[in-house]
Amino acid sequence: MKSCRYGKKMKMLPLINLGNLRVTRLILGGNPFSGFSHQTPAKDREMLDYYKVERIKETFRRAEASGINTVILRVDAFILRLLREYKNEGGNLQWIAQVATDAAEGWEAGFEQAVASGAKACYLHGAELDNLYQEKNAGKLVKIVNSVNSLGVPIGLAGHDPQGHIWAQELDIPIAFHVVCFYNCGSIHAGKGERFKPEDPPAAVDVIRRIRKPCIGYKIMGAGRTEARKAFQFAFANIKPADCVNVGMYRGDNDKMVEENAAMVRDILANLSVTKKAEEKGPA
């Protein structure tokens, strides 16, 4: 492997398909860059102080060097300027955009702005699907999906309540992937506090295995409440081979977090592959 300023450049992590987009099974998440710790307001401020523009771009480059090829980020003026600088400096991470429907410009403008700014795929924010599911508002969901499909990039749906994904699947709408939260923590966006219950991840992976399309699992560590290796092992042992995970990485807690997470995923996937081959071969 070629060397780079962050050490030896690693081989790309294993890939899956989201529609026609090839993404690594570990995606770099964006919440820490925007100060969303889902822990405490003090931690939010700490993340914002730590993640200056140069440090975020450095984190992107470290992800590239570690074999990650995709980052998930929200759509706002700061992120769009950040990505422009990063791309102009030769950055290669591809961007999947998380879009909310409550933006002042409206959801149509949010998706259009993301694609015009280089997003290779988009998905509807989890709180939006939660609300549409509670309202059983299939009409609005179909309208959003059809509109975004006309932009020519894969569209997905995020959600905190796993049953919302089953509801959307039964509607048989033309989406490319689902983004499934390991914790049913939609209470965060409803102003009812953080909710991370240990019984949630098993329910989430049960739904992921029932979803026919590829899935991105997120908040697999409960926003830092579960040890990384334990969370990765549980996720990859239980999601489908065509699925991946999205993980925010706050280097203020551990400067080598990106490299260590990528190495853990590489090791866990290799061990799972060996185990699967042994099971398929059967007893000696």
C-alpha atoms as a PDB file:
ATOM      1  CA  MET A   1       0.000   0.000   0.000  1.00  0.00           C
ATOM      2  CA  LYS A   2       1.141   3.569  -0.645  1.00  0.00           C
ATOM      3  CA  SER A   3       2.055   5.672   2.357  1.00  0.00           C
ATOM      4  CA  CYS A   4       0.441   9.027   3.135  1.00  0.00           C
ATOM      5  CA  ARG A   5       0.832  11.677   5.812  1.00  0.00           C
ATOM      6  CA  TYR A   6      -1.366   9.566   8.117  1.00  0.00           C
ATOM      7  CA  GLY A   7       0.695   6.406   7.693  1.00  0.00           C
ATOM      8  CA  LYS A   8       0.234   3.513   5.270  1.00  0.00           C
ATOM      9  CA  LYS A   9      -2.867   3.942   3.127  1.00  0.00           C
ATOM     10  CA  MET A  10      -5.082   0.961   3.803  1.00  0.00           C
ATOM     11  CA  LYS A  11      -6.963  -1.129   1.272  1.00  0.00           C
ATOM     12  CA  MET A  12     -10.598  -0.161   0.837  1.00  0.00           C
ATOM     13  CA  LEU A  13     -12.931  -1.774   3.362  1.00  0.00           C
ATOM     14  CA  PRO A  14     -15.491  -4.253   1.965  1.00  0.00           C
ATOM     15  CA  LEU A  15     -18.165  -2.608  -0.181  1.00  0.00           C
ATOM     16  CA  ILE A  16     -21.924  -2.869  -0.630  1.00  0.00           C
ATOM     17  CA  ASN A  17     -24.396  -1.296  -3.072  1.00  0.00           C
ATOM     18  CA  LEU A  18     -26.911   1.434  -2.281  1.00  0.00           C
ATOM     19  CA  GLY A  19     -28.660   1.507  -5.614  1.00  0.00           C
ATOM     20  CA  ASN A  20     -25.826   2.165  -8.065  1.00  0.00           C
ATOM     21  CA  LEU A  21     -23.566   3.633  -5.376  1.00  0.00           C
ATOM     22  CA  ARG A  22     -20.714   1.560  -3.934  1.00  0.00           C
ATOM     23  CA  VAL A  23     -20.066   2.352  -0.268  1.00  0.00           C
ATOM     24  CA  THR A  24     -17.823   0.833   2.371  1.00  0.00           C
ATOM     25  CA  ARG A  25     -19.459  -1.171   5.146  1.00  0.00           C
ATOM     26  CA  LEU A  26     -18.237   1.499   7.571  1.00  0.00           C
ATOM     27  CA  ILE A  27     -19.384   5.046   6.804  1.00  0.00           C
ATOM     28  CA  LEU A  28     -18.093   8.143   8.616  1.00  0.00           C
ATOM     29  CA  GLY A  29     -20.965   9.878  10.425  1.00  0.00           C
ATOM     30  CA  GLY A  30     -21.399  13.631  10.703  1.00  0.00           C
ATOM     31  CA  ASN A  31     -23.075  14.350  14.054  1.00  0.00           C
ATOM     32  CA  PRO A  32     -19.869  15.197  15.974  1.00  0.00           C
ATOM     33  CA  PHE A  33     -18.852  17.731  13.299  1.00  0.00           C
ATOM     34  CA  SER A  34     -22.105  19.630  13.891  1.00  0.00           C
ATOM     35  CA  GLY A  35     -22.018  19.336  17.677  1.00  0.00           C
ATOM     36  CA  PHE A  36     -24.689  16.665  18.160  1.00  0.00           C
ATOM     37  CA  SER A  37     -23.362  14.370  20.890  1.00  0.00           C
ATOM     38  CA  HIS A  38     -26.749  13.037  22.067  1.00  0.00           C
ATOM     39  CA  GLN A  39     -25.161  13.070  25.512  1.00  0.00           C
ATOM     40  CA  THR A  40     -25.119  16.509  27.178  1.00  0.00           C
ATOM     41  CA  PRO A  41     -25.186  20.184  26.098  1.00  0.00           C
ATOM     42  CA  ALA A  42     -21.639  20.501  27.471  1.00  0.00           C
ATOM     43  CA  LYS A  43     -20.486  17.657  25.205  1.00  0.00           C
ATOM     44  CA  ASP A  44     -22.194  19.339  22.243  1.00  0.00           C
ATOM     45  CA  ARG A  45     -20.203  22.523  22.885  1.00  0.00           C
ATOM     46  CA  GLU A  46     -17.000  20.540  23.340  1.00  0.00           C
ATOM     47  CA  MET A  47     -17.471  18.912  19.933  1.00  0.00           C
ATOM     48  CA  LEU A  48     -18.103  22.256  18.257  1.00  0.00           C
ATOM     49  CA  ASP A  49     -14.975  23.760  19.818  1.00  0.00           C
ATOM     50  CA  TYR A  50     -12.855  20.754  18.846  1.00  0.00           C
ATOM     51  CA  TYR A  51     -14.045  20.269  15.284  1.00  0.00           C
ATOM     52  CA  LYS A  52     -12.746  23.343  13.546  1.00  0.00           C
ATOM     53  CA  VAL A  53     -12.868  23.219   9.755  1.00  0.00           C
ATOM     54  CA  GLU A  54      -9.252  22.091   9.372  1.00  0.00           C
ATOM     55  CA  ARG A  55      -9.724  19.284  11.899  1.00  0.00           C
ATOM     56  CA  ILE A  56     -12.864  18.046  10.141  1.00  0.00           C
ATOM     57  CA  LYS A  57     -11.043  17.951   6.811  1.00  0.00           C
ATOM     58  CA  GLU A  58      -8.172  16.129   8.495  1.00  0.00           C
ATOM     59  CA  THR A  59     -10.681  13.584   9.814  1.00  0.00           C
ATOM     60  CA  PHE A  60     -12.018  13.110   6.286  1.00  0.00           C
ATOM     61  CA  ARG A  61      -8.482  12.476   5.017  1.00  0.00           C
ATOM     62  CA  ARG A  62      -7.813  10.019   7.831  1.00  0.00           C
ATOM     63  CA  ALA A  63     -10.998   8.168   6.904  1.00  0.00           C
ATOM     64  CA  GLU A  64      -9.821   7.943   3.293  1.00  0.00           C
ATOM     65  CA  ALA A  65      -6.422   6.644   4.400  1.00  0.00           C
ATOM     66  CA  SER A  66      -8.138   4.036   6.610  1.00  0.00           C
ATOM     67  CA  GLY A  67     -10.162   2.568   3.739  1.00  0.00           C
ATOM     68  CA  ILE A  68     -13.485   4.396   4.215  1.00  0.00           C
ATOM     69  CA  ASN A  69     -15.007   5.901   1.062  1.00  0.00           C
ATOM     70  CA  THR A  70     -18.212   7.620   2.257  1.00  0.00           C
ATOM     71  CA  VAL A  71     -19.338  10.267   4.747  1.00  0.00           C
ATOM     72  CA  ILE A  72     -22.905  11.123   5.794  1.00  0.00           C
ATOM     73  CA  LEU A  73     -23.572  14.810   6.502  1.00  0.00           C
ATOM     74  CA  ARG A  74     -26.550  17.091   6.946  1.00  0.00           C
ATOM     75  CA  VAL A  75     -27.367  19.857   4.449  1.00  0.00           C
ATOM     76  CA  ASP A  76     -26.619  23.363   5.711  1.00  0.00           C
ATOM     77  CA  ALA A  77     -24.430  26.303   4.687  1.00  0.00           C
ATOM     78  CA  PHE A  78     -21.519  25.242   6.893  1.00  0.00           C
ATOM     79  CA  ILE A  79     -21.421  21.681   5.540  1.00  0.00           C
ATOM     80  CA  LEU A  80     -21.724  22.799   1.929  1.00  0.00           C
ATOM     81  CA  ARG A  81     -18.807  25.235   2.312  1.00  0.00           C
ATOM     82  CA  LEU A  82     -16.776  22.604   4.152  1.00  0.00           C
ATOM     83  CA  LEU A  83     -17.308  20.028   1.398  1.00  0.00           C
ATOM     84  CA  ARG A  84     -16.436  22.561  -1.290  1.00  0.00           C
ATOM     85  CA  GLU A  85     -13.086  23.267   0.386  1.00  0.00           C
ATOM     86  CA  TYR A  86     -12.403  19.574   0.918  1.00  0.00           C
ATOM     87  CA  LYS A  87     -13.156  18.642  -2.699  1.00  0.00           C
ATOM     88  CA  ASN A  88     -11.140  21.591  -4.045  1.00  0.00           C
ATOM     89  CA  GLU A  89      -8.184  20.316  -2.007  1.00  0.00           C
ATOM     90  CA  GLY A  90      -8.433  16.889  -3.647  1.00  0.00           C
ATOM     91  CA  GLY A  91     -10.667  15.060  -1.152  1.00  0.00           C
ATOM     92  CA  ASN A  92     -12.277  11.859  -2.406  1.00  0.00           C
ATOM     93  CA  LEU A  93     -14.853  10.816   0.184  1.00  0.00           C
ATOM     94  CA  GLN A  94     -18.284  10.580  -1.427  1.00  0.00           C
ATOM     95  CA  TRP A  95     -21.139  12.333   0.360  1.00  0.00           C
ATOM     96  CA  ILE A  96     -24.561  10.970   1.301  1.00  0.00           C
ATOM     97  CA  ALA A  97     -26.856  13.825   2.350  1.00  0.00           C
ATOM     98  CA  GLN A  98     -29.293  13.702   5.249  1.00  0.00           C
ATOM     99  CA  VAL A  99     -32.219  16.000   4.416  1.00  0.00           C
ATOM    100  CA  ALA A 100     -34.985  17.219   6.724  1.00  0.00           C
ATOM    101  CA  THR A 101     -38.389  18.448   5.537  1.00  0.00           C
ATOM    102  CA  ASP A 102     -38.622  21.320   8.046  1.00  0.00           C
ATOM    103  CA  ALA A 103     -35.971  23.520   6.405  1.00  0.00           C
ATOM    104  CA  ALA A 104     -37.075  27.089   5.739  1.00  0.00           C
ATOM    105  CA  GLU A 105     -36.603  26.581   1.995  1.00  0.00           C
ATOM    106  CA  GLY A 106     -38.686  23.383   2.002  1.00  0.00           C
ATOM    107  CA  TRP A 107     -37.707  19.771   1.483  1.00  0.00           C
ATOM    108  CA  GLU A 108     -37.597  20.035  -2.306  1.00  0.00           C
ATOM    109  CA  ALA A 109     -34.904  22.718  -2.108  1.00  0.00           C
ATOM    110  CA  GLY A 110     -32.965  20.697   0.461  1.00  0.00           C
ATOM    111  CA  PHE A 111     -32.698  17.654  -1.788  1.00  0.00           C
ATOM    112  CA  GLU A 112     -32.007  19.734  -4.894  1.00  0.00           C
ATOM    113  CA  GLN A 113     -29.272  21.704  -3.112  1.00  0.00           C
ATOM    114  CA  ALA A 114     -27.648  18.505  -1.869  1.00  0.00           C
ATOM    115  CA  VAL A 115     -27.502  16.919  -5.328  1.00  0.00           C
ATOM    116  CA  ALA A 116     -26.316  20.156  -6.958  1.00  0.00           C
ATOM    117  CA  SER A 117     -23.534  20.276  -4.345  1.00  0.00           C
ATOM    118  CA  GLY A 118     -22.316  16.775  -5.163  1.00  0.00           C
ATOM    119  CA  ALA A 119     -24.301  14.392  -2.958  1.00  0.00           C
ATOM    120  CA  LYS A 120     -24.137  10.883  -4.431  1.00  0.00           C
ATOM    121  CA  ALA A 121     -27.253   9.756  -2.517  1.00  0.00           C
ATOM    122  CA  CYS A 122     -29.788  11.347  -0.167  1.00  0.00           C
ATOM    123  CA  TYR A 123     -32.105  10.200   2.578  1.00  0.00           C
ATOM    124  CA  LEU A 124     -34.965  11.640   4.550  1.00  0.00           C
ATOM    125  CA  HIS A 125     -34.133  12.486   8.181  1.00  0.00           C
ATOM    126  CA  GLY A 126     -35.283   9.906  10.727  1.00  0.00           C
ATOM    127  CA  ALA A 127     -37.645  12.225  12.584  1.00  0.00           C
ATOM    128  CA  GLU A 128     -39.533  12.797   9.339  1.00  0.00           C
ATOM    129  CA  LEU A 129     -40.294   9.114   8.730  1.00  0.00           C
ATOM    130  CA  ASP A 130     -41.213   8.706  12.417  1.00  0.00           C
ATOM    131  CA  ASN A 131     -43.810  11.465  12.057  1.00  0.00           C
ATOM    132  CA  LEU A 132     -45.161  10.254   8.723  1.00  0.00           C
ATOM    133  CA  TYR A 133     -45.502   6.744  10.126  1.00  0.00           C
ATOM    134  CA  GLN A 134     -47.370   7.977  13.204  1.00  0.00           C
ATOM    135  CA  GLU A 135     -49.704   9.980  10.953  1.00  0.00           C
ATOM    136  CA  LYS A 136     -49.875   7.149   8.380  1.00  0.00           C
ATOM    137  CA  ASN A 137     -49.291   9.885   5.801  1.00  0.00           C
ATOM    138  CA  ALA A 138     -48.364   7.681   2.862  1.00  0.00           C
ATOM    139  CA  GLY A 139     -49.272  10.383   0.359  1.00  0.00           C
ATOM    140  CA  LYS A 140     -46.600  12.820   1.522  1.00  0.00           C
ATOM    141  CA  LEU A 141     -43.983  10.091   1.708  1.00  0.00           C
ATOM    142  CA  VAL A 142     -44.721   8.953  -1.856  1.00  0.00           C
ATOM    143  CA  LYS A 143     -44.552  12.567  -3.063  1.00  0.00           C
ATOM    144  CA  ILE A 144     -41.139  13.099  -1.476  1.00  0.00           C
ATOM    145  CA  VAL A 145     -39.704   9.857  -2.833  1.00  0.00           C
ATOM    146  CA  ASN A 146     -40.976  10.414  -6.362  1.00  0.00           C
ATOM    147  CA  SER A 147     -39.643  13.968  -6.388  1.00  0.00           C
ATOM    148  CA  VAL A 148     -36.171  12.974  -5.233  1.00  0.00           C
ATOM    149  CA  ASN A 149     -35.991  10.030  -7.623  1.00  0.00           C
ATOM    150  CA  SER A 150     -36.272  12.528 -10.452  1.00  0.00           C
ATOM    151  CA  LEU A 151     -32.915  13.995  -9.343  1.00  0.00           C
ATOM    152  CA  GLY A 152     -31.104  10.846 -10.439  1.00  0.00           C
ATOM    153  CA  VAL A 153     -29.438   9.727  -7.189  1.00  0.00           C
ATOM    154  CA  PRO A 154     -30.394   6.870  -4.846  1.00  0.00           C
ATOM    155  CA  ILE A 155     -32.841   7.911  -2.134  1.00  0.00           C
ATOM    156  CA  GLY A 156     -33.237   6.284   1.261  1.00  0.00           C
ATOM    157  CA  LEU A 157     -35.418   6.639   4.346  1.00  0.00           C
ATOM    158  CA  ALA A 158     -34.099   7.008   7.885  1.00  0.00           C
ATOM    159  CA  GLY A 159     -36.168   6.318  10.981  1.00  0.00           C
ATOM    160  CA  HIS A 160     -35.831   5.711  14.700  1.00  0.00           C
ATOM    161  CA  ASP A 161     -38.934   3.549  15.093  1.00  0.00           C
ATOM    162  CA  PRO A 162     -38.138   0.266  13.320  1.00  0.00           C
ATOM    163  CA  GLN A 163     -41.812  -0.333  12.571  1.00  0.00           C
ATOM    164  CA  GLY A 164     -41.816   2.803  10.425  1.00  0.00           C
ATOM    165  CA  HIS A 165     -39.465   1.026   8.034  1.00  0.00           C
ATOM    166  CA  ILE A 166     -41.773  -1.984   7.798  1.00  0.00           C
ATOM    167  CA  TRP A 167     -44.677   0.374   7.062  1.00  0.00           C
ATOM    168  CA  ALA A 168     -42.661   2.098   4.311  1.00  0.00           C
ATOM    169  CA  GLN A 169     -41.605  -1.239   2.827  1.00  0.00           C
ATOM    170  CA  GLU A 170     -45.214  -2.378   2.624  1.00  0.00           C
ATOM    171  CA  LEU A 171     -46.048   0.760   0.635  1.00  0.00           C
ATOM    172  CA  ASP A 172     -43.656  -0.554  -2.039  1.00  0.00           C
ATOM    173  CA  ILE A 173     -42.267   2.880  -2.878  1.00  0.00           C
ATOM    174  CA  PRO A 174     -39.165   3.223  -5.100  1.00  0.00           C
ATOM    175  CA  ILE A 175     -36.350   3.757  -2.606  1.00  0.00           C
ATOM    176  CA  ALA A 176     -32.831   2.315  -2.786  1.00  0.00           C
ATOM    177  CA  PHE A 177     -32.047   1.818   0.912  1.00  0.00           C
ATOM    178  CA  HIS A 178     -33.178   2.215   4.525  1.00  0.00           C
ATOM    179  CA  VAL A 179     -31.258   3.963   7.318  1.00  0.00           C
ATOM    180  CA  VAL A 180     -32.246   2.189  10.534  1.00  0.00           C
ATOM    181  CA  CYS A 181     -31.459   3.503  14.008  1.00  0.00           C
ATOM    182  CA  PHE A 182     -30.330   0.851  16.488  1.00  0.00           C
ATOM    183  CA  TYR A 183     -32.196   2.774  19.211  1.00  0.00           C
ATOM    184  CA  ASN A 184     -35.808   3.956  19.082  1.00  0.00           C
ATOM    185  CA  CYS A 185     -34.714   7.404  20.248  1.00  0.00           C
ATOM    186  CA  GLY A 186     -37.034   9.664  18.288  1.00  0.00           C
ATOM    187  CA  SER A 187     -37.848  11.307  21.617  1.00  0.00           C
ATOM    188  CA  ILE A 188     -34.686  13.382  21.049  1.00  0.00           C
ATOM    189  CA  HIS A 189     -36.303  15.247  18.165  1.00  0.00           C
ATOM    190  CA  ALA A 190     -39.663  15.481  19.926  1.00  0.00           C
ATOM    191  CA  GLY A 191     -38.059  17.408  22.792  1.00  0.00           C
ATOM    192  CA  LYS A 192     -38.588  14.560  25.258  1.00  0.00           C
ATOM    193  CA  GLY A 193     -34.956  13.804  26.087  1.00  0.00           C
ATOM    194  CA  GLU A 194     -32.447  11.111  25.205  1.00  0.00           C
ATOM    195  CA  ARG A 195     -33.791   7.549  25.140  1.00  0.00           C
ATOM    196  CA  PHE A 196     -31.371   4.655  24.678  1.00  0.00           C
ATOM    197  CA  LYS A 197     -32.767   1.357  25.951  1.00  0.00           C
ATOM    198  CA  PRO A 198     -30.761  -1.897  25.823  1.00  0.00           C
ATOM    199  CA  GLU A 199     -33.688  -3.815  24.348  1.00  0.00           C
ATOM    200  CA  ASP A 200     -33.743  -1.599  21.252  1.00  0.00           C
ATOM    201  CA  PRO A 201     -30.810  -2.973  19.165  1.00  0.00           C
ATOM    202  CA  PRO A 202     -32.190  -6.547  18.960  1.00  0.00           C
ATOM    203  CA  ALA A 203     -35.523  -5.138  17.738  1.00  0.00           C
ATOM    204  CA  ALA A 204     -33.717  -2.970  15.190  1.00  0.00           C
ATOM    205  CA  VAL A 205     -31.629  -5.775  13.689  1.00  0.00           C
ATOM    206  CA  ASP A 206     -34.705  -8.001  13.524  1.00  0.00           C
ATOM    207  CA  VAL A 207     -36.327  -5.382  11.299  1.00  0.00           C
ATOM    208  CA  ILE A 208     -33.136  -4.877   9.275  1.00  0.00           C
ATOM    209  CA  ARG A 209     -33.127  -8.583   8.400  1.00  0.00           C
ATOM    210  CA  ARG A 210     -36.771  -8.294   7.286  1.00  0.00           C
ATOM    211  CA  ILE A 211     -36.092  -5.310   5.035  1.00  0.00           C
ATOM    212  CA  ARG A 212     -35.468  -6.393   1.451  1.00  0.00           C
ATOM    213  CA  LYS A 213     -33.369  -3.368   0.494  1.00  0.00           C
ATOM    214  CA  PRO A 214     -29.853  -2.639   1.812  1.00  0.00           C
ATOM    215  CA  CYS A 215     -29.728  -0.905   5.182  1.00  0.00           C
ATOM    216  CA  ILE A 216     -27.404   1.551   6.889  1.00  0.00           C
ATOM    217  CA  GLY A 217     -27.435   0.962  10.639  1.00  0.00           C
ATOM    218  CA  TYR A 218     -26.797   4.061  12.733  1.00  0.00           C
ATOM    219  CA  LYS A 219     -26.294   4.933  16.393  1.00  0.00           C
ATOM    220  CA  ILE A 220     -24.978   1.402  16.791  1.00  0.00           C
ATOM    221  CA  MET A 221     -23.060   2.514  19.908  1.00  0.00           C
ATOM    222  CA  GLY A 222     -25.970   4.417  21.404  1.00  0.00           C
ATOM    223  CA  ALA A 223     -24.099   7.721  20.942  1.00  0.00           C
ATOM    224  CA  GLY A 224     -21.094   6.470  22.900  1.00  0.00           C
ATOM    225  CA  ARG A 225     -22.976   4.407  25.473  1.00  0.00           C
ATOM    226  CA  THR A 226     -21.685   1.041  24.183  1.00  0.00           C
ATOM    227  CA  GLU A 227     -18.035   0.042  23.768  1.00  0.00           C
ATOM    228  CA  ALA A 228     -16.982   0.181  20.116  1.00  0.00           C
ATOM    229  CA  ARG A 229     -15.821  -3.390  19.494  1.00  0.00           C
ATOM    230  CA  LYS A 230     -18.871  -4.834  21.228  1.00  0.00           C
ATOM    231  CA  ALA A 231     -21.155  -2.628  19.111  1.00  0.00           C
ATOM    232  CA  PHE A 232     -19.413  -3.455  15.834  1.00  0.00           C
ATOM    233  CA  GLN A 233     -19.421  -7.173  16.567  1.00  0.00           C
ATOM    234  CA  PHE A 234     -23.133  -7.152  17.401  1.00  0.00           C
ATOM    235  CA  ALA A 235     -24.001  -5.082  14.331  1.00  0.00           C
ATOM    236  CA  PHE A 236     -22.095  -7.074  11.729  1.00  0.00           C
ATOM    237  CA  ALA A 237     -23.095 -10.421  13.222  1.00  0.00           C
ATOM    238  CA  ASN A 238     -26.768  -9.484  12.924  1.00  0.00           C
ATOM    239  CA  ILE A 239     -27.290  -7.225   9.899  1.00  0.00           C
ATOM    240  CA  LYS A 240     -27.405  -8.572   6.335  1.00  0.00           C
ATOM    241  CA  PRO A 241     -24.207  -9.016   4.279  1.00  0.00           C
ATOM    242  CA  ALA A 242     -25.514  -6.270   1.965  1.00  0.00           C
ATOM    243  CA  ASP A 243     -25.795  -3.760   4.842  1.00  0.00           C
ATOM    244  CA  CYS A 244     -23.377  -1.274   6.413  1.00  0.00           C
ATOM    245  CA  VAL A 245     -23.077   1.006   9.456  1.00  0.00           C
ATOM    246  CA  ASN A 246     -22.713   4.759   9.919  1.00  0.00           C
ATOM    247  CA  VAL A 247     -20.611   5.850  12.907  1.00  0.00           C
ATOM    248  CA  GLY A 248     -19.819   9.352  14.167  1.00  0.00           C
ATOM    249  CA  MET A 249     -16.222   9.647  15.390  1.00  0.00           C
ATOM    250  CA  TYR A 250     -15.227  12.288  17.934  1.00  0.00           C
ATOM    251  CA  ARG A 251     -11.444  12.402  17.938  1.00  0.00           C
ATOM    252  CA  GLY A 252     -11.485  14.635  21.001  1.00  0.00           C
ATOM    253  CA  ASP A 253     -12.036  11.444  23.001  1.00  0.00           C
ATOM    254  CA  ASN A 254      -9.413   9.468  21.079  1.00  0.00           C
ATOM    255  CA  ASP A 255      -7.257  10.976  18.341  1.00  0.00           C
ATOM    256  CA  LYS A 256      -6.817   7.586  16.644  1.00  0.00           C
ATOM    257  CA  MET A 257     -10.531   6.731  16.689  1.00  0.00           C
ATOM    258  CA  VAL A 258     -10.936   6.722  12.899  1.00  0.00           C
ATOM    259  CA  GLU A 259      -8.027   4.372  12.314  1.00  0.00           C
ATOM    260  CA  GLU A 260      -8.992   2.112  15.227  1.00  0.00           C
ATOM    261  CA  ASN A 261     -12.636   1.854  14.148  1.00  0.00           C
ATOM    262  CA  ALA A 262     -11.676   1.001  10.575  1.00  0.00           C
ATOM    263  CA  ALA A 263      -9.212  -1.634  11.807  1.00  0.00           C
ATOM    264  CA  MET A 264     -11.862  -3.159  14.082  1.00  0.00           C
ATOM    265  CA  VAL A 265     -14.372  -3.381  11.247  1.00  0.00           C
ATOM    266  CA  ARG A 266     -11.771  -4.900   8.929  1.00  0.00           C
ATOM    267  CA  ASP A 267     -10.905  -7.525  11.562  1.00  0.00           C
ATOM    268  CA  ILE A 268     -14.510  -8.339  12.485  1.00  0.00           C
ATOM    269  CA  LEU A 269     -15.606  -8.728   8.855  1.00  0.00           C
ATOM    270  CA  ALA A 270     -12.620 -10.948   8.084  1.00  0.00           C
ATOM    271  CA  ASN A 271     -13.408 -13.195  11.063  1.00  0.00           C
ATOM    272  CA  LEU A 272     -17.090 -13.380  10.114  1.00  0.00           C
ATOM    273  CA  SER A 273     -16.106 -14.379   6.583  1.00  0.00           C
ATOM    274  CA  VAL A 274     -13.873 -17.183   7.885  1.00  0.00           C
ATOM    275  CA  THR A 275     -16.642 -18.396  10.197  1.00  0.00           C
ATOM    276  CA  LYS A 276     -19.204 -18.375   7.383  1.00  0.00           C
ATOM    277  CA  LYS A 277     -16.917 -20.372   5.075  1.00  0.00           C
ATOM    278  CA  ALA A 278     -16.314 -22.909   7.820  1.00  0.00           C
ATOM    279  CA  GLU A 279     -20.045 -23.281   8.427  1.00  0.00           C
ATOM    280  CA  GLU A 280     -20.709 -23.725   4.704  1.00  0.00           C
ATOM    281  CA  LYS A 281     -17.967 -26.361   4.481  1.00  0.00           C
ATOM    282  CA  GLY A 282     -19.456 -28.306   7.379  1.00  0.00           C
ATOM    283  CA  PRO A 283     -17.758 -30.839   9.659  1.00  0.00           C
ATOM    284  CA  ALA A 284     -14.416 -32.231   8.533  1.00  0.00           C
END
